Every structure is written in structure tokens, then in C-alpha cells.
Amino acid sequence: MRLATIALAAIAAAASTAAIAAKPSPLTTPRPPSGTGLPSGQCIRSSEIRGHTIADKDTLLIDVGGKATYRVTMKGGCLAGAVASDPLVTRIPPGSPIICKPIDMDIAISRGGFPSQCIVDSIVRMTPEEVAALPRKLKP
């Protein structure tokens, strides 16, 4: 009987995790194509990143200088289970503090002091209309 209870609990936990993973993104626009970067006039200075919000298991929204919001998508559900209070660790490759392409960003989420590396898949600047359509809790 105890083994059956444990098995049912494991099935329920798996179903709950699957439901969370299947939760649709609150973003209204489709995910940008893999490898999408920024045009030269929209590149980001790493020192201007002011805040971030985790939109879903693959998407980070960042505020740049209070002037623009950027959508940074990750591969592999890297942000699943992360919360806004988890520290965001960003490293910029040596040579330039400018972020234009996904490879220009190295992001990790620190959970309990252990960084979980993410692979940046795309970076796009959100339009004012896209930012306005965000639920309040998602605005970085």
C-alpha cells in the first residue's frame, strides 16, 4: 500500500511539472527565429542593463537604461523554475561591452549560490506596443 501511495505521488508530481512546462507564454508575439540579433543602432551597452523579469521558461525581459525593453530568449528551458529574485549573472566576452548578437551574452541564473548556465538564442528590442501589452508584473 505504501509503495502505491509513493507511485501515485510521483505521478502527480510529474503531471504537475508537465502542466507548468506546458503553460503558454504570456507574451503576445511569437518567439524570434534562432540566432536573431540586434541591428547596429539597437545594440546594448552591458552597463546600461537596469533590471530584468523572467517571462517564461525560455524568455528574459531586460530594461536597458529605462528607455527600452529587450526580449532575450534562451535554449532548453533554462529559466524554468527561476524566480525574479534569483540573481542574474551576466558576463560579457572580453573586448567589448556591447551586446548585438546572442553570442555576445553569457547568462546564468544563480539558484542557491550555484549558477545555472543559459545559452542565449535570440535578442530583439520590443516595440512600445509590445511593452504596453505586457502584464504589469512582467515589465522589467
Protein backbone atom coordinates (compact mmCIF):
# COMPACT_ATOMS: atom_id res chain seq x y z
CA MET A 1 0.00 0.00 0.00
CA ARG A 2 2.82 2.41 0.88
CA LEU A 3 4.52 1.72 -2.48
CA ALA A 4 1.27 2.52 -4.32
CA THR A 5 0.98 5.83 -2.43
CA ILE A 6 4.55 6.77 -3.36
CA ALA A 7 3.93 5.83 -7.00
CA LEU A 8 0.75 7.96 -7.11
CA ALA A 9 2.61 10.91 -5.54
CA ALA A 10 5.36 10.59 -8.16
CA ILE A 11 2.79 10.51 -10.99
CA ALA A 12 1.02 13.56 -9.57
CA ALA A 13 4.32 15.46 -9.29
CA ALA A 14 5.23 14.59 -12.87
CA ALA A 15 1.82 15.72 -14.12
CA SER A 16 2.13 18.98 -12.17
CA THR A 17 5.58 19.64 -13.65
CA ALA A 18 4.29 18.90 -17.15
CA ALA A 19 1.40 21.32 -16.63
CA ILE A 20 3.80 24.07 -15.58
CA ALA A 21 6.07 23.40 -18.55
CA ALA A 22 3.08 23.43 -20.91
CA LYS A 23 1.83 26.77 -19.58
CA PRO A 24 1.61 29.19 -22.50
CA SER A 25 3.87 32.21 -22.60
CA PRO A 26 2.23 35.50 -21.55
CA LEU A 27 3.99 37.21 -24.46
CA THR A 28 1.73 38.05 -27.38
CA THR A 29 4.35 37.95 -30.13
CA PRO A 30 5.94 34.76 -31.47
CA ARG A 31 9.43 33.74 -30.43
CA PRO A 32 12.09 35.33 -32.67
CA PRO A 33 13.97 32.98 -35.02
CA SER A 34 17.03 31.30 -33.55
CA GLY A 35 20.16 33.42 -33.94
CA THR A 36 18.32 36.73 -34.26
CA GLY A 37 20.48 39.63 -33.10
CA LEU A 38 20.19 43.39 -32.97
CA PRO A 39 20.84 45.86 -35.78
CA SER A 40 23.82 48.11 -35.05
CA GLY A 41 21.64 51.04 -33.91
CA GLN A 42 19.90 48.90 -31.26
CA CYS A 43 22.91 47.22 -29.63
CA ILE A 44 23.04 47.25 -25.83
CA ARG A 45 25.80 48.53 -23.56
CA SER A 46 26.04 45.96 -20.78
CA SER A 47 26.47 48.75 -18.21
CA GLU A 48 23.00 50.11 -19.11
CA ILE A 49 21.07 46.98 -18.10
CA ARG A 50 18.90 48.16 -15.19
CA GLY A 51 16.52 45.30 -14.46
CA HIS A 52 15.09 42.02 -15.65
CA THR A 53 11.96 39.93 -15.47
CA ILE A 54 11.53 36.26 -16.24
CA ALA A 55 8.58 35.98 -18.64
CA ASP A 56 8.59 32.21 -19.12
CA LYS A 57 10.92 29.19 -19.10
CA ASP A 58 12.79 30.49 -22.16
CA THR A 59 12.41 34.28 -22.01
CA LEU A 60 14.11 37.05 -20.10
CA LEU A 61 12.97 40.66 -20.46
CA ILE A 62 15.59 43.30 -19.71
CA ASP A 63 15.30 47.03 -19.15
CA VAL A 64 18.09 48.99 -20.79
CA GLY A 65 18.62 52.47 -19.38
CA GLY A 66 14.92 52.91 -18.66
CA LYS A 67 14.48 53.64 -22.38
CA ALA A 68 13.93 50.25 -24.00
CA THR A 69 12.91 46.69 -23.21
CA TYR A 70 14.65 43.76 -24.87
CA ARG A 71 13.47 40.17 -25.18
CA VAL A 72 16.27 37.65 -24.67
CA THR A 73 15.31 34.04 -25.43
CA MET A 74 17.23 31.02 -24.18
CA LYS A 75 17.55 27.45 -25.37
CA GLY A 76 16.46 24.44 -23.37
CA GLY A 77 14.08 25.93 -20.82
CA CYS A 78 16.99 27.37 -18.86
CA LEU A 79 14.76 29.69 -16.84
CA ALA A 80 12.27 27.02 -15.76
CA GLY A 81 11.88 27.22 -12.01
CA ALA A 82 13.69 30.56 -11.74
CA VAL A 83 12.04 33.47 -9.98
CA ALA A 84 12.61 37.20 -10.33
CA SER A 85 14.57 37.34 -7.08
CA ASP A 86 17.16 34.82 -8.34
CA PRO A 87 20.32 36.78 -9.17
CA LEU A 88 21.06 37.12 -12.86
CA VAL A 89 24.74 36.59 -13.65
CA THR A 90 25.86 38.19 -16.90
CA ARG A 91 29.33 38.06 -18.35
CA ILE A 92 30.35 39.86 -21.46
CA PRO A 93 33.14 38.29 -23.53
CA PRO A 94 36.42 40.24 -23.36
CA GLY A 95 36.95 43.01 -25.84
CA SER A 96 33.61 44.78 -25.98
CA PRO A 97 30.87 45.78 -23.55
CA ILE A 98 28.44 45.95 -26.50
CA ILE A 99 25.75 43.28 -26.98
CA CYS A 100 24.47 42.85 -30.52
CA LYS A 101 24.27 39.07 -31.09
CA PRO A 102 23.24 36.15 -28.90
CA ILE A 103 26.88 35.05 -28.61
CA ASP A 104 27.71 38.43 -27.04
CA MET A 105 25.80 37.46 -23.86
CA ASP A 106 26.71 34.83 -21.30
CA ILE A 107 23.84 34.46 -18.83
CA ALA A 108 23.38 32.29 -15.78
CA ILE A 109 20.74 32.20 -13.08
CA SER A 110 22.13 31.78 -9.58
CA ARG A 111 19.97 29.44 -7.51
CA GLY A 112 21.20 28.84 -4.00
CA GLY A 113 24.64 30.15 -4.94
CA PHE A 114 25.06 27.76 -7.86
CA PRO A 115 24.91 29.31 -11.34
CA SER A 116 22.82 27.55 -13.98
CA GLN A 117 24.25 28.48 -17.39
CA CYS A 118 21.92 29.51 -20.21
CA ILE A 119 22.51 29.56 -23.94
CA VAL A 120 21.17 32.79 -25.44
CA ASP A 121 19.20 32.01 -28.61
CA SER A 122 18.00 35.46 -29.73
CA ILE A 123 17.85 39.11 -28.70
CA VAL A 124 15.26 41.59 -30.01
CA ARG A 125 14.17 45.05 -28.99
CA MET A 126 10.50 45.11 -28.12
CA THR A 127 8.26 47.73 -29.71
CA PRO A 128 6.47 50.23 -27.46
CA GLU A 129 3.21 48.42 -28.31
CA GLU A 130 4.64 45.06 -27.23
CA VAL A 131 5.86 46.56 -23.96
CA ALA A 132 2.48 48.22 -23.35
CA ALA A 133 0.75 44.85 -23.89
CA LEU A 134 2.85 43.16 -21.18
CA PRO A 135 1.09 42.34 -17.92
CA ARG A 136 2.30 44.75 -15.23
CA LYS A 137 4.15 42.01 -13.33
CA LEU A 138 6.30 41.26 -16.41
CA LYS A 139 7.56 44.78 -17.03
CA PRO A 140 11.22 44.91 -16.05
